[in-house]
């Protein structure tokens, strides 16, 4: 089953969210593992039998004096199933480093929440042909504290930073090579097959080609998931293709 993650980021107020849910109700195909990640405020509102709900971030501790943070322990108490970790916006804007992300990953797994770990290279790293080096470092650092039996509960989202929101994507061959490269690294270290998603400027023109790439397990959609009608069209295209 293909996985489709919708990262709604810091968008939509309460009325917008209600409208989003009204427009998507009854239209999400059960043949897909759909995960919608709204702002923390609206996690409870988005609970549904049609899709899973995920958070966009969490902290590395169970509880304590960490004003403004939300823990995996708290997320699990409201039945959140997934959490996005290590998104390039968290790394760049909020200065999150590999160590912090790794600590969040293990704490998330301890609370039976499945992490969706984002990794990807910047424009300069790509130009310097350091994509493989960056991917391997971010991947192994994120998995630093886990055991092999945890691999089945983890998603890796390959999101080249230069592709997010730009309308540009790597070639299909490049995406396939990176997906296979990630799986190979994990398989060599843990003897397990990890699930890998692609994210970055996904739209109606490229979704069908991307979703059918060899070894790809799904996609992480950002801006294209904000419009409910457009999001449903993307899901329908995936179902028509697979």
Protein backbone atom coordinates (compact mmCIF):
# COMPACT_ATOMS: atom_id res chain seq x y z
CA UNK A 1 0.00 0.00 0.00
CA UNK A 2 1.37 3.40 -0.98
CA UNK A 3 1.68 6.06 1.73
CA UNK A 4 0.70 9.67 1.10
CA UNK A 5 1.61 12.29 3.72
CA UNK A 6 0.04 15.75 3.57
CA UNK A 7 2.09 18.35 5.43
CA UNK A 8 -0.25 21.30 5.91
CA UNK A 9 2.49 23.31 7.68
CA UNK A 10 1.44 26.55 9.47
CA UNK A 11 -1.63 27.15 7.35
CA UNK A 12 -5.41 27.41 7.82
CA UNK A 13 -7.47 28.64 10.74
CA UNK A 14 -10.29 26.72 12.40
CA UNK A 15 -12.88 27.50 9.73
CA UNK A 16 -10.45 26.63 6.96
CA UNK A 17 -9.79 23.27 8.61
CA UNK A 18 -13.50 22.51 8.91
CA UNK A 19 -13.96 23.38 5.25
CA UNK A 20 -11.00 21.15 4.32
CA UNK A 21 -12.51 18.20 6.19
CA UNK A 22 -15.95 18.80 4.68
CA UNK A 23 -14.54 18.79 1.15
CA UNK A 24 -12.45 15.65 1.63
CA UNK A 25 -15.01 13.61 3.59
CA UNK A 26 -15.84 10.34 1.88
CA UNK A 27 -13.38 10.97 -0.94
CA UNK A 28 -10.16 9.41 0.38
CA UNK A 29 -9.60 5.96 -1.10
CA UNK A 30 -8.95 3.20 1.42
CA UNK A 31 -6.41 1.70 -0.96
CA UNK A 32 -3.92 4.30 0.25
CA UNK A 33 -2.30 4.92 3.62
CA UNK A 34 -3.10 8.63 3.88
CA UNK A 35 -1.61 10.67 6.72
CA UNK A 36 -2.66 14.30 7.18
CA UNK A 37 -0.47 16.53 9.37
CA UNK A 38 -2.20 19.73 10.50
CA UNK A 39 -0.99 22.25 13.09
CA UNK A 40 -0.94 21.04 16.70
CA UNK A 41 -4.11 23.06 17.40
CA UNK A 42 -6.19 20.95 15.04
CA UNK A 43 -4.92 17.40 15.62
CA UNK A 44 -8.09 16.34 17.42
CA UNK A 45 -10.28 17.98 14.79
CA UNK A 46 -8.63 15.91 12.04
CA UNK A 47 -9.28 12.51 13.62
CA UNK A 48 -11.01 10.37 11.02
CA UNK A 49 -11.68 6.80 9.96
CA UNK A 50 -10.60 7.70 6.42
CA UNK A 51 -7.00 8.67 7.15
CA UNK A 52 -4.35 8.76 9.88
CA UNK A 53 -3.33 11.93 11.64
CA UNK A 54 0.25 13.05 12.13
CA UNK A 55 2.00 15.91 13.89
CA UNK A 56 4.51 18.19 12.18
CA UNK A 57 7.06 18.07 14.98
CA UNK A 58 7.63 17.12 18.62
CA UNK A 59 10.19 17.51 21.39
CA UNK A 60 12.74 14.97 22.60
CA UNK A 61 11.54 14.72 26.22
CA UNK A 62 8.47 13.08 27.75
CA UNK A 63 7.56 16.09 29.93
CA UNK A 64 9.09 18.95 31.88
CA UNK A 65 9.86 22.67 31.81
CA UNK A 66 9.99 23.13 28.06
CA UNK A 67 7.62 26.02 27.41
CA UNK A 68 5.89 25.86 24.05
CA UNK A 69 6.95 22.30 23.22
CA UNK A 70 4.80 19.20 22.67
CA UNK A 71 6.08 15.72 23.51
CA UNK A 72 5.48 12.33 21.85
CA UNK A 73 3.96 11.21 25.17
CA UNK A 74 1.34 13.95 24.86
CA UNK A 75 0.74 13.24 21.17
CA UNK A 76 0.15 9.56 21.88
CA UNK A 77 -2.43 10.44 24.52
CA UNK A 78 -4.63 11.89 21.75
CA UNK A 79 -3.92 8.95 19.42
CA UNK A 80 -1.55 10.64 17.01
CA UNK A 81 -0.05 7.93 14.80
CA UNK A 82 2.83 9.70 13.03
CA UNK A 83 5.14 12.69 13.38
CA UNK A 84 7.30 14.50 10.81
CA UNK A 85 10.86 15.01 12.08
CA UNK A 86 13.90 16.74 10.63
CA UNK A 87 12.07 18.73 7.96
CA UNK A 88 14.43 21.15 6.23
CA UNK A 89 12.42 24.07 7.58
CA UNK A 90 13.06 22.82 11.13
CA UNK A 91 16.76 22.36 10.35
CA UNK A 92 17.20 25.75 8.69
CA UNK A 93 14.80 28.12 10.48
CA UNK A 94 14.95 26.56 13.96
CA UNK A 95 18.55 25.34 13.79
CA UNK A 96 17.74 21.71 14.55
CA UNK A 97 20.83 19.52 14.24
CA UNK A 98 21.27 15.80 13.60
CA UNK A 99 21.70 14.99 17.30
CA UNK A 100 18.42 16.63 18.30
CA UNK A 101 16.59 14.91 15.46
CA UNK A 102 18.00 11.53 16.51
CA UNK A 103 16.82 12.14 20.09
CA UNK A 104 13.36 13.02 18.83
CA UNK A 105 13.26 9.87 16.69
CA UNK A 106 13.99 7.50 19.59
CA UNK A 107 11.57 9.27 21.95
CA UNK A 108 8.85 9.10 19.30
CA UNK A 109 9.37 5.36 18.82
CA UNK A 110 9.32 4.79 22.57
CA UNK A 111 5.80 6.21 22.54
CA UNK A 112 4.67 4.00 19.65
CA UNK A 113 4.46 6.85 17.17
CA UNK A 114 5.94 6.32 13.72
CA UNK A 115 8.46 8.99 12.69
CA UNK A 116 8.64 10.35 9.15
CA UNK A 117 12.26 11.49 8.97
CA UNK A 118 13.09 14.09 6.33
CA UNK A 119 16.52 14.20 4.73
CA UNK A 120 17.84 16.05 1.70
CA UNK A 121 20.58 18.18 0.21
CA UNK A 122 20.70 21.94 -0.40
CA UNK A 123 21.39 23.61 -3.74
CA UNK A 124 25.06 24.19 -2.90
CA UNK A 125 25.52 20.61 -1.71
CA UNK A 126 23.96 19.36 -4.92
CA UNK A 127 26.16 21.63 -7.06
CA UNK A 128 29.23 20.32 -5.22
CA UNK A 129 28.04 16.76 -5.91
CA UNK A 130 27.75 16.01 -2.21
CA UNK A 131 24.21 14.60 -2.32
CA UNK A 132 25.24 11.04 -1.44
CA UNK A 133 27.47 12.22 1.43
CA UNK A 134 24.76 14.47 2.90
CA UNK A 135 22.04 11.83 2.56
CA UNK A 136 24.13 9.14 4.23
CA UNK A 137 25.17 11.38 7.12
CA UNK A 138 21.66 12.67 7.83
CA UNK A 139 20.21 9.18 7.55
CA UNK A 140 22.66 7.39 9.83
CA UNK A 141 22.65 10.23 12.37
CA UNK A 142 18.84 10.18 12.54
CA UNK A 143 18.88 6.41 13.16
CA UNK A 144 21.75 6.63 15.65
CA UNK A 145 19.83 5.39 18.70
CA UNK A 146 17.49 2.83 17.16
CA UNK A 147 17.55 -0.96 17.04
CA UNK A 148 16.90 -3.05 13.95
CA UNK A 149 13.47 -4.11 15.20
CA UNK A 150 12.35 -0.45 15.02
CA UNK A 151 13.04 -0.05 11.29
CA UNK A 152 9.58 -1.30 10.28
CA UNK A 153 8.00 1.67 12.10
CA UNK A 154 10.09 4.34 10.39
CA UNK A 155 9.57 6.27 7.17
CA UNK A 156 12.36 8.19 5.45
CA UNK A 157 11.24 11.12 3.29
CA UNK A 158 13.79 12.19 0.71
CA UNK A 159 13.13 15.90 0.22
CA UNK A 160 15.86 17.75 -1.67
CA UNK A 161 15.82 21.21 -0.07
CA UNK A 162 16.24 22.94 -3.40
CA UNK A 163 13.06 21.29 -4.73
CA UNK A 164 10.68 22.23 -1.89
CA UNK A 165 8.18 24.82 -3.11
CA UNK A 166 10.25 25.71 -6.18
CA UNK A 167 8.47 23.71 -8.85
CA UNK A 168 11.73 21.95 -9.66
CA UNK A 169 12.40 18.29 -8.95
CA UNK A 170 15.30 15.89 -9.54
CA UNK A 171 15.08 13.72 -12.61
CA UNK A 172 13.06 10.55 -12.17
CA UNK A 173 16.27 8.57 -12.50
CA UNK A 174 17.92 10.63 -9.74
CA UNK A 175 14.95 10.13 -7.41
CA UNK A 176 15.00 6.39 -8.02
CA UNK A 177 18.74 6.20 -7.42
CA UNK A 178 18.49 8.08 -4.11
CA UNK A 179 15.56 5.95 -2.93
CA UNK A 180 17.55 2.81 -3.69
CA UNK A 181 20.66 4.31 -2.07
CA UNK A 182 18.75 4.99 1.18
CA UNK A 183 17.31 1.49 1.24
CA UNK A 184 20.74 0.00 0.56
CA UNK A 185 22.37 1.91 3.44
CA UNK A 186 19.70 0.80 5.90
CA UNK A 187 19.66 -2.78 4.67
CA UNK A 188 23.44 -3.04 4.99
CA UNK A 189 23.37 -1.73 8.57
CA UNK A 190 20.16 -3.26 9.94
CA UNK A 191 19.34 -6.06 7.49
CA UNK A 192 15.87 -4.57 7.12
CA UNK A 193 13.98 -2.84 4.31
CA UNK A 194 12.98 0.70 5.25
CA UNK A 195 10.07 2.61 3.68
CA UNK A 196 11.12 5.64 1.61
CA UNK A 197 8.92 8.52 0.41
CA UNK A 198 9.73 11.34 -2.00
CA UNK A 199 8.78 14.96 -1.29
CA UNK A 200 9.40 18.29 -3.02
CA UNK A 201 7.23 20.15 -5.58
CA UNK A 202 4.85 17.26 -6.20
CA UNK A 203 1.93 18.21 -8.44
CA UNK A 204 -0.64 16.81 -10.89
CA UNK A 205 1.91 16.78 -13.70
CA UNK A 206 4.53 14.62 -11.98
CA UNK A 207 2.70 12.57 -9.35
CA UNK A 208 1.94 9.56 -11.55
CA UNK A 209 5.53 9.19 -12.74
CA UNK A 210 6.95 9.58 -9.23
CA UNK A 211 4.56 7.18 -7.50
CA UNK A 212 5.42 4.36 -9.91
CA UNK A 213 9.21 4.62 -9.53
CA UNK A 214 10.96 1.43 -8.56
CA UNK A 215 11.09 0.83 -4.79
CA UNK A 216 9.31 4.06 -3.81
CA UNK A 217 6.80 3.60 -0.99
CA UNK A 218 4.90 6.86 -1.29
CA UNK A 219 5.11 10.64 -1.27
CA UNK A 220 5.16 13.58 1.14
CA UNK A 221 3.12 16.47 -0.25
CA UNK A 222 3.40 20.05 0.99
CA UNK A 223 1.81 22.99 -0.82
CA UNK A 224 -0.16 20.77 -3.20
CA UNK A 225 -2.06 19.30 -0.25
CA UNK A 226 -3.40 22.64 1.01
CA UNK A 227 -6.28 22.83 -1.45
CA UNK A 228 -8.70 20.01 -0.52
CA UNK A 229 -10.05 19.58 -4.04
CA UNK A 230 -6.56 19.52 -5.49
CA UNK A 231 -5.39 17.05 -2.86
CA UNK A 232 -8.22 14.65 -3.67
CA UNK A 233 -7.34 14.89 -7.37
CA UNK A 234 -3.74 13.93 -6.52
CA UNK A 235 -4.96 10.94 -4.52
CA UNK A 236 -7.24 9.88 -7.38
CA UNK A 237 -4.34 10.07 -9.81
CA UNK A 238 -2.28 7.84 -7.55
CA UNK A 239 -5.08 5.25 -7.34
CA UNK A 240 -5.49 5.31 -11.13
CA UNK A 241 -1.76 4.67 -11.54
CA UNK A 242 -0.89 1.98 -9.03
